[in-house]
Amino acid sequence: LYARLFYKPKHKNDVISPDPKILIITFGHLGDGLIFSYAFPKIKEKYPNAIIDVLTGEACNAIFTKNPLVR
């Protein structure tokens, strides 16, 4: 499992928006996708208006297509 957060503020005083758009990318196997799915409720807890998108391989489609937390 490999994940990395990319966030580079444009200005020194920039903060994360209360309505962030989050893209999660995983090209791993089914188990990797399942592990990522446990993070979605935590993301929604911290950012209730967050929009979560997932870019994944075909093997993980079953996990994310019916997930109500993923756009």
Protein backbone atom coordinates (compact mmCIF):
# COMPACT_ATOMS: atom_id res chain seq x y z
CA LEU A 1 0.00 0.00 0.00
CA TYR A 2 1.39 3.35 -0.98
CA ALA A 3 -0.25 6.69 -0.40
CA ARG A 4 1.01 10.23 -0.45
CA LEU A 5 -0.66 13.54 0.20
CA PHE A 6 0.22 16.26 -2.28
CA TYR A 7 -0.59 19.75 -1.07
CA LYS A 8 1.47 22.74 -1.90
CA PRO A 9 0.08 26.10 -0.82
CA LYS A 10 0.33 28.88 -3.36
CA HIS A 11 0.99 31.44 -0.68
CA LYS A 12 2.54 31.29 2.75
CA ASN A 13 -0.77 31.89 4.57
CA ASP A 14 -2.96 29.57 2.47
CA VAL A 15 -5.13 27.06 4.30
CA ILE A 16 -7.05 24.00 3.12
CA SER A 17 -10.54 24.88 1.98
CA PRO A 18 -13.45 23.71 4.17
CA ASP A 19 -14.87 22.15 0.98
CA PRO A 20 -11.84 20.33 -0.46
CA LYS A 21 -11.86 18.20 -3.57
CA ILE A 22 -9.88 15.04 -2.87
CA LEU A 23 -8.58 12.62 -5.48
CA ILE A 24 -7.39 9.24 -4.25
CA ILE A 25 -5.31 7.25 -6.72
CA THR A 26 -4.60 3.57 -6.25
CA PHE A 27 -3.51 1.06 -8.84
CA GLY A 28 -3.10 -1.69 -6.30
CA HIS A 29 -5.14 -4.80 -5.77
CA LEU A 30 -8.54 -5.29 -4.18
CA GLY A 31 -7.09 -5.26 -0.65
CA ASP A 32 -5.41 -1.89 -1.24
CA GLY A 33 -8.73 -0.41 -2.34
CA LEU A 34 -10.44 -1.84 0.71
CA ILE A 35 -7.85 -0.28 3.02
CA PHE A 36 -8.30 3.11 1.34
CA SER A 37 -12.07 2.91 1.81
CA TYR A 38 -11.60 2.99 5.59
CA ALA A 39 -10.19 6.51 5.27
CA PHE A 40 -13.33 7.98 3.66
CA PRO A 41 -15.40 8.28 6.88
CA LYS A 42 -12.46 9.97 8.61
CA ILE A 43 -12.11 12.43 5.73
CA LYS A 44 -15.85 13.19 5.87
CA GLU A 45 -15.66 13.59 9.64
CA LYS A 46 -12.95 16.25 9.35
CA TYR A 47 -14.32 17.84 6.13
CA PRO A 48 -18.09 17.16 5.91
CA ASN A 49 -18.42 18.93 2.54
CA ALA A 50 -15.43 17.21 0.94
CA ILE A 51 -15.83 15.76 -2.54
CA ILE A 52 -13.94 12.48 -2.83
CA ASP A 53 -13.04 11.03 -6.23
CA VAL A 54 -11.14 7.80 -6.81
CA LEU A 55 -8.92 6.81 -9.73
CA THR A 56 -8.29 3.10 -9.65
CA GLY A 57 -7.75 -0.02 -11.66
CA GLU A 58 -10.65 -2.24 -12.72
CA ALA A 59 -10.06 -4.70 -9.86
CA CYS A 60 -11.24 -2.14 -7.29
CA ASN A 61 -14.37 -0.95 -9.11
CA ALA A 62 -16.62 -3.14 -6.97
CA ILE A 63 -15.49 -1.34 -3.81
CA PHE A 64 -15.94 2.23 -4.98
CA THR A 65 -18.90 2.26 -7.39
CA LYS A 66 -21.58 1.84 -4.71
CA ASN A 67 -19.75 3.73 -1.94
CA PRO A 68 -21.97 6.71 -0.93
CA LEU A 69 -18.92 8.71 0.20
CA VAL A 70 -17.35 8.70 -3.27
CA ARG A 71 -18.61 10.93 -6.07
